[in-house]
N, C-alpha and C. Protein backbone atom coordinates (compact mmCIF):
# COMPACT_ATOMS: atom_id res chain seq x y z
N THR A 1 0.79 92.40 20.39
CA THR A 1 1.30 91.32 21.22
C THR A 1 0.44 91.22 22.48
N GLU A 2 0.00 90.01 22.75
CA GLU A 2 -0.85 89.78 23.92
C GLU A 2 0.03 89.33 25.08
N ILE A 3 -0.23 89.90 26.24
CA ILE A 3 0.51 89.54 27.44
C ILE A 3 -0.28 88.47 28.18
N VAL A 4 0.39 87.38 28.50
CA VAL A 4 -0.23 86.29 29.22
C VAL A 4 0.31 86.30 30.65
N THR A 5 -0.60 86.27 31.61
CA THR A 5 -0.19 86.30 33.01
C THR A 5 0.17 84.89 33.48
N ALA A 6 0.89 84.84 34.58
CA ALA A 6 1.25 83.55 35.19
C ALA A 6 -0.01 82.77 35.57
N ALA A 7 -1.03 83.48 36.03
CA ALA A 7 -2.28 82.82 36.41
C ALA A 7 -2.93 82.16 35.19
N GLU A 8 -2.89 82.84 34.05
CA GLU A 8 -3.46 82.27 32.83
C GLU A 8 -2.67 81.04 32.38
N ILE A 9 -1.36 81.11 32.51
CA ILE A 9 -0.53 79.95 32.17
C ILE A 9 -0.87 78.79 33.11
N GLY A 10 -1.04 79.09 34.39
CA GLY A 10 -1.43 78.06 35.36
C GLY A 10 -2.76 77.42 35.00
N GLU A 11 -3.73 78.26 34.57
CA GLU A 11 -5.03 77.73 34.16
C GLU A 11 -4.88 76.83 32.94
N LEU A 12 -4.04 77.23 31.99
CA LEU A 12 -3.81 76.40 30.80
C LEU A 12 -3.19 75.06 31.20
N ASN A 13 -2.23 75.11 32.12
CA ASN A 13 -1.59 73.87 32.59
C ASN A 13 -2.60 72.99 33.31
N ASP A 14 -3.47 73.60 34.12
CA ASP A 14 -4.51 72.83 34.81
C ASP A 14 -5.45 72.18 33.81
N THR A 15 -5.83 72.92 32.77
CA THR A 15 -6.72 72.38 31.74
C THR A 15 -6.05 71.22 31.02
N ALA A 16 -4.78 71.39 30.68
CA ALA A 16 -4.04 70.31 30.01
C ALA A 16 -3.94 69.09 30.91
N ALA A 17 -3.71 69.30 32.18
CA ALA A 17 -3.62 68.18 33.13
C ALA A 17 -4.96 67.46 33.24
N GLU A 18 -6.05 68.23 33.28
CA GLU A 18 -7.38 67.62 33.34
C GLU A 18 -7.64 66.77 32.09
N LYS A 19 -7.30 67.31 30.92
CA LYS A 19 -7.49 66.56 29.67
C LYS A 19 -6.67 65.28 29.69
N LEU A 20 -5.42 65.37 30.15
CA LEU A 20 -4.57 64.19 30.22
C LEU A 20 -5.17 63.17 31.17
N ASN A 21 -5.67 63.61 32.31
CA ASN A 21 -6.30 62.69 33.25
C ASN A 21 -7.54 62.04 32.65
N GLU A 22 -8.29 62.78 31.84
CA GLU A 22 -9.46 62.20 31.17
C GLU A 22 -9.02 61.09 30.22
N VAL A 23 -7.95 61.35 29.47
CA VAL A 23 -7.46 60.35 28.53
C VAL A 23 -6.93 59.14 29.27
N LEU A 24 -6.23 59.35 30.37
CA LEU A 24 -5.65 58.24 31.12
C LEU A 24 -6.66 57.51 31.99
N ASP A 25 -7.83 58.08 32.20
CA ASP A 25 -8.87 57.39 32.96
C ASP A 25 -9.16 56.07 32.26
N PRO A 26 -9.05 54.95 32.96
CA PRO A 26 -9.22 53.65 32.31
C PRO A 26 -10.52 53.51 31.52
N THR A 27 -11.62 54.00 32.05
CA THR A 27 -12.90 53.87 31.34
C THR A 27 -12.88 54.64 30.02
N ASN A 28 -12.42 55.90 30.07
CA ASN A 28 -12.34 56.70 28.84
C ASN A 28 -11.36 56.10 27.85
N PHE A 29 -10.21 55.69 28.35
CA PHE A 29 -9.18 55.16 27.48
C PHE A 29 -9.66 53.90 26.78
N VAL A 30 -10.29 53.00 27.52
CA VAL A 30 -10.82 51.76 26.94
C VAL A 30 -11.85 52.10 25.87
N HIS A 31 -12.77 52.98 26.20
CA HIS A 31 -13.82 53.35 25.25
C HIS A 31 -13.22 53.93 23.96
N GLU A 32 -12.32 54.89 24.11
CA GLU A 32 -11.72 55.53 22.94
C GLU A 32 -10.90 54.55 22.12
N THR A 33 -10.21 53.66 22.78
CA THR A 33 -9.39 52.67 22.07
C THR A 33 -10.26 51.72 21.27
N ILE A 34 -11.32 51.24 21.86
CA ILE A 34 -12.23 50.33 21.15
C ILE A 34 -12.89 51.06 19.98
N GLU A 35 -13.28 52.30 20.20
CA GLU A 35 -13.88 53.10 19.12
C GLU A 35 -12.90 53.31 17.96
N TYR A 36 -11.62 53.39 18.26
CA TYR A 36 -10.60 53.66 17.24
C TYR A 36 -10.15 52.39 16.52
N LEU A 37 -10.49 51.23 17.05
CA LEU A 37 -10.01 49.96 16.50
C LEU A 37 -10.30 49.77 15.01
N PRO A 38 -11.49 50.12 14.49
CA PRO A 38 -11.70 49.97 13.04
C PRO A 38 -10.70 50.79 12.21
N LYS A 39 -10.35 51.98 12.68
CA LYS A 39 -9.36 52.79 11.98
C LYS A 39 -7.98 52.13 12.06
N THR A 40 -7.69 51.52 13.21
CA THR A 40 -6.43 50.81 13.38
C THR A 40 -6.33 49.66 12.39
N ARG A 41 -7.41 48.89 12.28
CA ARG A 41 -7.42 47.75 11.35
C ARG A 41 -7.26 48.23 9.91
N LYS A 42 -7.90 49.34 9.57
CA LYS A 42 -7.79 49.88 8.21
C LYS A 42 -6.35 50.31 7.93
N LYS A 43 -5.75 51.01 8.89
CA LYS A 43 -4.37 51.47 8.71
C LYS A 43 -3.41 50.28 8.63
N LEU A 44 -3.65 49.27 9.44
CA LEU A 44 -2.82 48.07 9.41
C LEU A 44 -2.91 47.40 8.03
N GLU A 45 -4.11 47.36 7.49
CA GLU A 45 -4.30 46.77 6.16
C GLU A 45 -3.58 47.59 5.08
N GLU A 46 -3.65 48.92 5.20
CA GLU A 46 -2.94 49.77 4.24
C GLU A 46 -1.44 49.52 4.30
N LEU A 47 -0.92 49.31 5.48
CA LEU A 47 0.52 49.15 5.65
C LEU A 47 1.02 47.74 5.31
N SER A 48 0.20 46.74 5.64
CA SER A 48 0.70 45.37 5.52
C SER A 48 -0.08 44.49 4.54
N GLY A 49 -1.20 44.99 4.07
CA GLY A 49 -2.02 44.17 3.18
C GLY A 49 -3.03 43.30 3.91
N SER A 50 -3.00 43.34 5.24
CA SER A 50 -3.93 42.56 6.05
C SER A 50 -4.37 43.39 7.24
N ASP A 51 -5.62 43.23 7.65
CA ASP A 51 -6.10 43.99 8.81
C ASP A 51 -5.92 43.22 10.11
N THR A 52 -5.12 42.18 10.06
CA THR A 52 -4.82 41.42 11.27
C THR A 52 -3.30 41.39 11.49
N ILE A 53 -2.92 41.02 12.69
CA ILE A 53 -1.50 40.91 13.02
C ILE A 53 -0.91 39.75 12.22
N ASN A 54 0.24 39.99 11.65
CA ASN A 54 0.96 38.99 10.88
C ASN A 54 1.16 37.73 11.73
N PRO A 55 0.91 36.53 11.18
CA PRO A 55 1.06 35.30 11.96
C PRO A 55 2.45 35.12 12.57
N VAL A 56 3.49 35.54 11.86
CA VAL A 56 4.84 35.43 12.41
C VAL A 56 4.99 36.32 13.64
N CYS A 57 4.46 37.55 13.56
CA CYS A 57 4.50 38.46 14.71
C CYS A 57 3.67 37.91 15.86
N CYS A 58 2.54 37.35 15.54
CA CYS A 58 1.67 36.77 16.57
C CYS A 58 2.41 35.63 17.29
N LYS A 59 3.09 34.79 16.52
CA LYS A 59 3.83 33.68 17.12
C LYS A 59 4.96 34.22 18.01
N SER A 60 5.63 35.27 17.56
CA SER A 60 6.69 35.88 18.37
C SER A 60 6.13 36.44 19.67
N LEU A 61 5.01 37.11 19.56
CA LEU A 61 4.35 37.66 20.75
C LEU A 61 3.96 36.54 21.71
N SER A 62 3.49 35.45 21.14
CA SER A 62 3.11 34.29 21.95
C SER A 62 4.30 33.78 22.77
N GLN A 63 5.47 33.77 22.16
CA GLN A 63 6.66 33.30 22.87
C GLN A 63 7.07 34.27 23.98
N VAL A 64 6.98 35.57 23.70
CA VAL A 64 7.31 36.59 24.71
C VAL A 64 6.38 36.43 25.92
N ILE A 65 5.11 36.18 25.66
CA ILE A 65 4.14 36.01 26.75
C ILE A 65 4.38 34.70 27.48
N ALA A 66 4.65 33.63 26.73
CA ALA A 66 4.93 32.33 27.36
C ALA A 66 6.17 32.41 28.25
N ASP A 67 7.15 33.20 27.83
CA ASP A 67 8.38 33.36 28.61
C ASP A 67 8.18 34.31 29.79
N LYS A 68 6.99 34.88 29.90
CA LYS A 68 6.62 35.78 31.00
C LYS A 68 7.57 36.98 31.11
N CYS A 69 7.92 37.53 29.96
CA CYS A 69 8.82 38.69 29.95
C CYS A 69 8.24 39.87 30.73
N ALA A 70 6.93 40.04 30.68
CA ALA A 70 6.30 41.16 31.39
C ALA A 70 6.18 40.88 32.89
N CYS A 71 6.68 39.74 33.33
CA CYS A 71 6.67 39.40 34.75
C CYS A 71 8.03 39.59 35.41
N GLU A 72 9.00 40.03 34.64
CA GLU A 72 10.33 40.24 35.21
C GLU A 72 10.31 41.49 36.08
N GLU A 73 10.67 41.31 37.34
CA GLU A 73 10.52 42.38 38.34
C GLU A 73 11.32 43.65 38.00
N LYS A 74 12.60 43.53 37.72
CA LYS A 74 13.42 44.73 37.54
C LYS A 74 12.96 45.59 36.36
N PRO A 75 12.83 45.05 35.15
CA PRO A 75 12.42 45.93 34.05
C PRO A 75 11.00 46.46 34.22
N MET A 76 10.11 45.63 34.74
CA MET A 76 8.72 46.10 34.89
C MET A 76 8.61 47.11 36.01
N SER A 77 9.40 46.97 37.07
CA SER A 77 9.40 47.97 38.14
C SER A 77 9.85 49.32 37.59
N PHE A 78 10.82 49.28 36.70
CA PHE A 78 11.30 50.52 36.07
C PHE A 78 10.17 51.15 35.25
N VAL A 79 9.50 50.35 34.42
CA VAL A 79 8.40 50.86 33.58
C VAL A 79 7.30 51.43 34.47
N ILE A 80 6.92 50.68 35.48
CA ILE A 80 5.85 51.12 36.39
C ILE A 80 6.24 52.42 37.09
N SER A 81 7.50 52.54 37.48
CA SER A 81 7.95 53.76 38.18
C SER A 81 7.84 54.99 37.29
N LYS A 82 7.90 54.81 36.00
CA LYS A 82 7.78 55.94 35.07
C LYS A 82 6.31 56.27 34.78
N LEU A 83 5.44 55.27 34.86
CA LEU A 83 4.03 55.48 34.54
C LEU A 83 3.20 55.95 35.74
N GLU A 84 3.51 55.43 36.92
CA GLU A 84 2.71 55.74 38.10
C GLU A 84 2.63 57.22 38.45
N PRO A 85 3.73 58.00 38.34
CA PRO A 85 3.62 59.42 38.67
C PRO A 85 2.59 60.17 37.81
N ALA A 86 2.31 59.64 36.62
CA ALA A 86 1.30 60.25 35.76
C ALA A 86 -0.09 59.67 36.05
N GLY A 87 -0.18 58.80 37.07
CA GLY A 87 -1.47 58.22 37.42
C GLY A 87 -1.86 57.04 36.53
N PHE A 88 -0.88 56.46 35.85
CA PHE A 88 -1.15 55.37 34.91
C PHE A 88 -0.82 54.05 35.58
N ASN A 89 -1.85 53.28 35.93
CA ASN A 89 -1.66 51.97 36.53
C ASN A 89 -1.76 50.93 35.42
N ILE A 90 -0.64 50.35 35.10
CA ILE A 90 -0.56 49.42 33.97
C ILE A 90 -1.54 48.24 34.12
N GLN A 91 -1.83 47.84 35.35
CA GLN A 91 -2.75 46.72 35.57
C GLN A 91 -4.16 47.02 35.03
N ASN A 92 -4.52 48.30 34.99
CA ASN A 92 -5.84 48.67 34.49
C ASN A 92 -5.99 48.45 32.99
N TYR A 93 -4.88 48.17 32.30
CA TYR A 93 -4.91 48.08 30.85
C TYR A 93 -4.54 46.71 30.30
N VAL A 94 -4.28 45.76 31.17
CA VAL A 94 -3.90 44.42 30.71
C VAL A 94 -5.06 43.77 29.95
N ALA A 95 -6.25 43.84 30.49
CA ALA A 95 -7.41 43.23 29.81
C ALA A 95 -7.65 43.89 28.46
N LEU A 96 -7.49 45.21 28.40
CA LEU A 96 -7.66 45.92 27.13
C LEU A 96 -6.62 45.46 26.11
N THR A 97 -5.38 45.32 26.56
CA THR A 97 -4.31 44.85 25.67
C THR A 97 -4.65 43.48 25.10
N LYS A 98 -5.13 42.60 25.95
CA LYS A 98 -5.52 41.26 25.49
C LYS A 98 -6.64 41.36 24.45
N ALA A 99 -7.63 42.19 24.72
CA ALA A 99 -8.78 42.34 23.82
C ALA A 99 -8.36 42.92 22.47
N ILE A 100 -7.50 43.92 22.48
CA ILE A 100 -7.08 44.55 21.23
C ILE A 100 -6.29 43.56 20.37
N ILE A 101 -5.35 42.88 20.99
CA ILE A 101 -4.56 41.91 20.22
C ILE A 101 -5.46 40.83 19.66
N ASP A 102 -6.42 40.38 20.45
CA ASP A 102 -7.38 39.37 19.99
C ASP A 102 -8.20 39.91 18.81
N LYS A 103 -8.68 41.15 18.92
CA LYS A 103 -9.49 41.74 17.85
C LYS A 103 -8.68 41.99 16.59
N LEU A 104 -7.35 41.99 16.73
CA LEU A 104 -6.48 42.13 15.56
C LEU A 104 -6.05 40.75 15.03
N GLY A 105 -6.77 39.72 15.45
CA GLY A 105 -6.58 38.40 14.88
C GLY A 105 -5.46 37.56 15.47
N CYS A 106 -5.03 37.89 16.67
CA CYS A 106 -3.95 37.14 17.31
C CYS A 106 -4.39 36.79 18.74
N THR A 107 -4.45 35.50 19.01
CA THR A 107 -4.91 35.06 20.34
C THR A 107 -3.75 34.91 21.32
N ALA A 108 -2.57 35.32 20.92
CA ALA A 108 -1.36 35.10 21.74
C ALA A 108 -1.42 35.76 23.11
N ALA A 109 -2.15 36.84 23.24
CA ALA A 109 -2.12 37.60 24.50
C ALA A 109 -3.08 37.09 25.56
N GLN A 110 -3.79 36.02 25.27
CA GLN A 110 -4.77 35.53 26.24
C GLN A 110 -4.17 35.24 27.60
N ASP A 111 -2.92 34.81 27.64
CA ASP A 111 -2.27 34.46 28.90
C ASP A 111 -1.34 35.56 29.41
N LEU A 112 -1.45 36.76 28.86
CA LEU A 112 -0.59 37.86 29.27
C LEU A 112 -0.77 38.18 30.75
N GLU A 113 0.35 38.26 31.43
CA GLU A 113 0.40 38.69 32.83
C GLU A 113 1.47 39.77 32.92
N VAL A 114 1.24 40.72 33.80
CA VAL A 114 2.18 41.82 33.97
C VAL A 114 2.52 41.98 35.46
N TYR A 115 3.81 42.09 35.73
CA TYR A 115 4.29 42.27 37.10
C TYR A 115 3.55 43.43 37.76
N PRO A 116 3.14 43.31 38.98
CA PRO A 116 3.37 42.23 39.94
C PRO A 116 2.27 41.18 39.97
N ALA A 117 1.32 41.25 39.07
CA ALA A 117 0.18 40.33 39.09
C ALA A 117 0.45 39.10 38.23
N CYS A 118 1.52 38.41 38.55
CA CYS A 118 1.90 37.22 37.78
C CYS A 118 1.76 35.97 38.65
N THR A 119 1.36 34.90 38.00
CA THR A 119 1.33 33.61 38.71
C THR A 119 2.63 32.90 38.42
N THR A 120 2.98 31.96 39.25
CA THR A 120 4.26 31.25 39.04
C THR A 120 4.12 30.16 38.02
């Protein structure tokens, strides 16, 4: 049986935190997500028979965006309050979300806005 000291546990936690910060870094996250997109399309095709977002789902997403659901202050403030302590700024990922949805064959997200960066 190996004895692990508190200092070693602290080092492991620091290493895990560093790795998490690397993943959450917008530049790394965007790069890794774009690199993974072909696998996503393949998996989507395996599951649904198509490597693009279903047109019905795309239309539904279009309505959610048109209704500006992501611009509602109370629910989005709650979401943001849970993400910010981890250093995750949702605004850094809006453009990526638009690009991914577009690359999956759905143009519905082009007008996506997320609180507090919403126009009236």
